[in-house]
N, C-alpha and C. Protein backbone atom coordinates (compact mmCIF):
# COMPACT_ATOMS: atom_id res chain seq x y z
N MET A 1 -3.07 -37.91 -1.58
CA MET A 1 -2.75 -36.62 -2.16
C MET A 1 -2.62 -35.58 -1.05
N ALA A 2 -1.76 -34.65 -1.28
CA ALA A 2 -1.56 -33.57 -0.33
C ALA A 2 -2.68 -32.54 -0.49
N ALA A 3 -3.07 -31.97 0.62
CA ALA A 3 -4.12 -30.95 0.58
C ALA A 3 -3.54 -29.65 0.03
N ARG A 4 -4.31 -28.95 -0.77
CA ARG A 4 -3.88 -27.66 -1.31
C ARG A 4 -3.98 -26.58 -0.25
N LYS A 5 -3.08 -25.65 -0.33
CA LYS A 5 -3.15 -24.50 0.56
C LYS A 5 -4.23 -23.56 0.05
N PRO A 6 -4.97 -22.92 0.95
CA PRO A 6 -5.98 -21.96 0.48
C PRO A 6 -5.30 -20.76 -0.17
N ARG A 7 -5.90 -20.28 -1.21
CA ARG A 7 -5.35 -19.14 -1.93
C ARG A 7 -5.54 -17.87 -1.10
N ILE A 8 -4.46 -17.12 -0.90
CA ILE A 8 -4.52 -15.90 -0.12
C ILE A 8 -4.95 -14.75 -1.03
N LYS A 9 -5.90 -13.95 -0.57
CA LYS A 9 -6.40 -12.83 -1.36
C LYS A 9 -5.39 -11.69 -1.34
N LYS A 10 -5.38 -10.93 -2.43
CA LYS A 10 -4.49 -9.78 -2.53
C LYS A 10 -5.08 -8.60 -1.77
N CYS A 11 -4.21 -7.74 -1.29
CA CYS A 11 -4.62 -6.53 -0.58
C CYS A 11 -5.37 -5.61 -1.55
N PRO A 12 -6.53 -5.09 -1.15
CA PRO A 12 -7.30 -4.24 -2.06
C PRO A 12 -6.67 -2.87 -2.30
N ASP A 13 -5.86 -2.38 -1.36
CA ASP A 13 -5.28 -1.05 -1.51
C ASP A 13 -4.07 -1.03 -2.44
N CYS A 14 -3.17 -2.00 -2.29
CA CYS A 14 -1.95 -2.01 -3.10
C CYS A 14 -2.01 -3.04 -4.23
N LYS A 15 -3.08 -3.79 -4.31
CA LYS A 15 -3.29 -4.83 -5.34
C LYS A 15 -2.22 -5.91 -5.30
N GLY A 16 -1.72 -6.22 -4.08
CA GLY A 16 -0.78 -7.31 -3.90
C GLY A 16 0.69 -6.95 -4.06
N THR A 17 1.01 -5.70 -4.32
CA THR A 17 2.41 -5.32 -4.51
C THR A 17 3.12 -4.97 -3.21
N GLY A 18 2.38 -4.53 -2.20
CA GLY A 18 2.99 -4.13 -0.93
C GLY A 18 3.39 -2.67 -0.90
N GLU A 19 3.27 -1.98 -2.03
CA GLU A 19 3.64 -0.56 -2.10
C GLU A 19 2.51 0.24 -2.73
N ILE A 20 2.40 1.48 -2.29
CA ILE A 20 1.46 2.43 -2.89
C ILE A 20 2.25 3.68 -3.25
N THR A 21 1.67 4.59 -3.99
CA THR A 21 2.33 5.86 -4.30
C THR A 21 1.62 6.98 -3.57
N GLU A 22 2.41 7.91 -3.10
CA GLU A 22 1.89 9.06 -2.37
C GLU A 22 2.31 10.33 -3.09
N THR A 23 1.48 11.35 -3.01
CA THR A 23 1.81 12.66 -3.57
C THR A 23 2.79 13.36 -2.66
N VAL A 24 3.82 13.98 -3.24
CA VAL A 24 4.81 14.71 -2.46
C VAL A 24 4.22 16.06 -2.09
N ARG A 25 4.32 16.42 -0.81
CA ARG A 25 3.85 17.71 -0.33
C ARG A 25 5.06 18.53 0.13
N VAL A 26 5.03 19.81 -0.14
CA VAL A 26 6.12 20.70 0.26
C VAL A 26 5.56 21.88 1.02
N GLY A 27 6.38 22.48 1.86
CA GLY A 27 5.97 23.65 2.63
C GLY A 27 5.67 23.29 4.06
N SER A 28 5.37 24.31 4.84
CA SER A 28 5.06 24.10 6.26
C SER A 28 3.68 23.45 6.39
N ALA A 29 3.36 23.01 7.58
CA ALA A 29 2.10 22.30 7.81
C ALA A 29 0.88 23.17 7.47
N ARG A 30 0.96 24.45 7.74
CA ARG A 30 -0.19 25.32 7.46
C ARG A 30 -0.38 25.58 5.98
N LYS A 31 0.72 25.75 5.27
CA LYS A 31 0.62 26.13 3.86
C LYS A 31 1.20 25.06 2.94
N SER A 32 1.03 23.82 3.29
CA SER A 32 1.62 22.78 2.43
C SER A 32 0.86 22.71 1.11
N ARG A 33 1.60 22.40 0.08
CA ARG A 33 0.97 22.27 -1.23
C ARG A 33 1.47 20.99 -1.88
N GLU A 34 0.64 20.43 -2.73
CA GLU A 34 0.98 19.19 -3.43
C GLU A 34 1.77 19.52 -4.69
N THR A 35 2.73 18.65 -5.01
CA THR A 35 3.47 18.79 -6.26
C THR A 35 2.98 17.71 -7.22
N THR A 36 3.49 17.70 -8.41
CA THR A 36 3.12 16.66 -9.38
C THR A 36 3.97 15.41 -9.20
N ASP A 37 4.94 15.45 -8.28
CA ASP A 37 5.82 14.31 -8.05
C ASP A 37 5.13 13.26 -7.19
N ARG A 38 5.54 11.99 -7.36
CA ARG A 38 5.00 10.88 -6.58
C ARG A 38 6.16 10.10 -5.98
N GLN A 39 5.94 9.47 -4.83
CA GLN A 39 6.96 8.63 -4.22
C GLN A 39 6.34 7.33 -3.74
N ALA A 40 7.15 6.28 -3.69
CA ALA A 40 6.67 4.97 -3.24
C ALA A 40 6.59 4.97 -1.72
N ALA A 41 5.59 4.27 -1.20
CA ALA A 41 5.42 4.16 0.25
C ALA A 41 4.93 2.75 0.58
N LEU A 42 5.21 2.30 1.77
CA LEU A 42 4.77 1.00 2.25
C LEU A 42 3.26 1.03 2.46
N CYS A 43 2.57 0.00 2.01
CA CYS A 43 1.12 -0.09 2.19
C CYS A 43 0.83 -0.35 3.67
N LEU A 44 0.06 0.52 4.29
CA LEU A 44 -0.23 0.38 5.70
C LEU A 44 -1.37 -0.61 5.98
N THR A 45 -2.11 -0.98 4.96
CA THR A 45 -3.18 -1.95 5.15
C THR A 45 -2.61 -3.35 5.36
N CYS A 46 -1.61 -3.72 4.55
CA CYS A 46 -1.03 -5.07 4.64
C CYS A 46 0.40 -5.06 5.18
N PHE A 47 0.93 -3.89 5.52
CA PHE A 47 2.30 -3.72 6.01
C PHE A 47 3.34 -4.30 5.05
N GLY A 48 3.10 -4.13 3.75
CA GLY A 48 4.05 -4.51 2.73
C GLY A 48 4.04 -5.99 2.32
N SER A 49 3.16 -6.79 2.89
CA SER A 49 3.14 -8.22 2.54
C SER A 49 2.39 -8.48 1.23
N GLY A 50 1.42 -7.64 0.89
CA GLY A 50 0.62 -7.82 -0.31
C GLY A 50 -0.59 -8.70 -0.10
N ASP A 51 -0.72 -9.28 1.09
CA ASP A 51 -1.85 -10.15 1.42
C ASP A 51 -2.99 -9.34 2.04
N ALA A 52 -4.21 -9.73 1.76
CA ALA A 52 -5.36 -9.04 2.32
C ALA A 52 -5.39 -9.25 3.83
N PRO A 53 -5.70 -8.22 4.60
CA PRO A 53 -5.77 -8.39 6.05
C PRO A 53 -6.96 -9.26 6.44
N THR A 54 -6.78 -10.03 7.48
CA THR A 54 -7.87 -10.87 7.99
C THR A 54 -8.36 -10.31 9.30
N ASP A 55 -9.62 -10.47 9.57
CA ASP A 55 -10.19 -9.93 10.81
C ASP A 55 -10.11 -10.91 11.93
């Protein structure tokens, strides 16, 4: 029988999707304010793979 591959854990930040949502900010750096809009962003913990990082 062939050996099974170990199951890879999902990233805890994006829950395995590879994307997270960020709040849209508008204005200059000093007076920036958050809006109610959201945008998709690449998960920086797993770099979009969806796999949990290993140490």
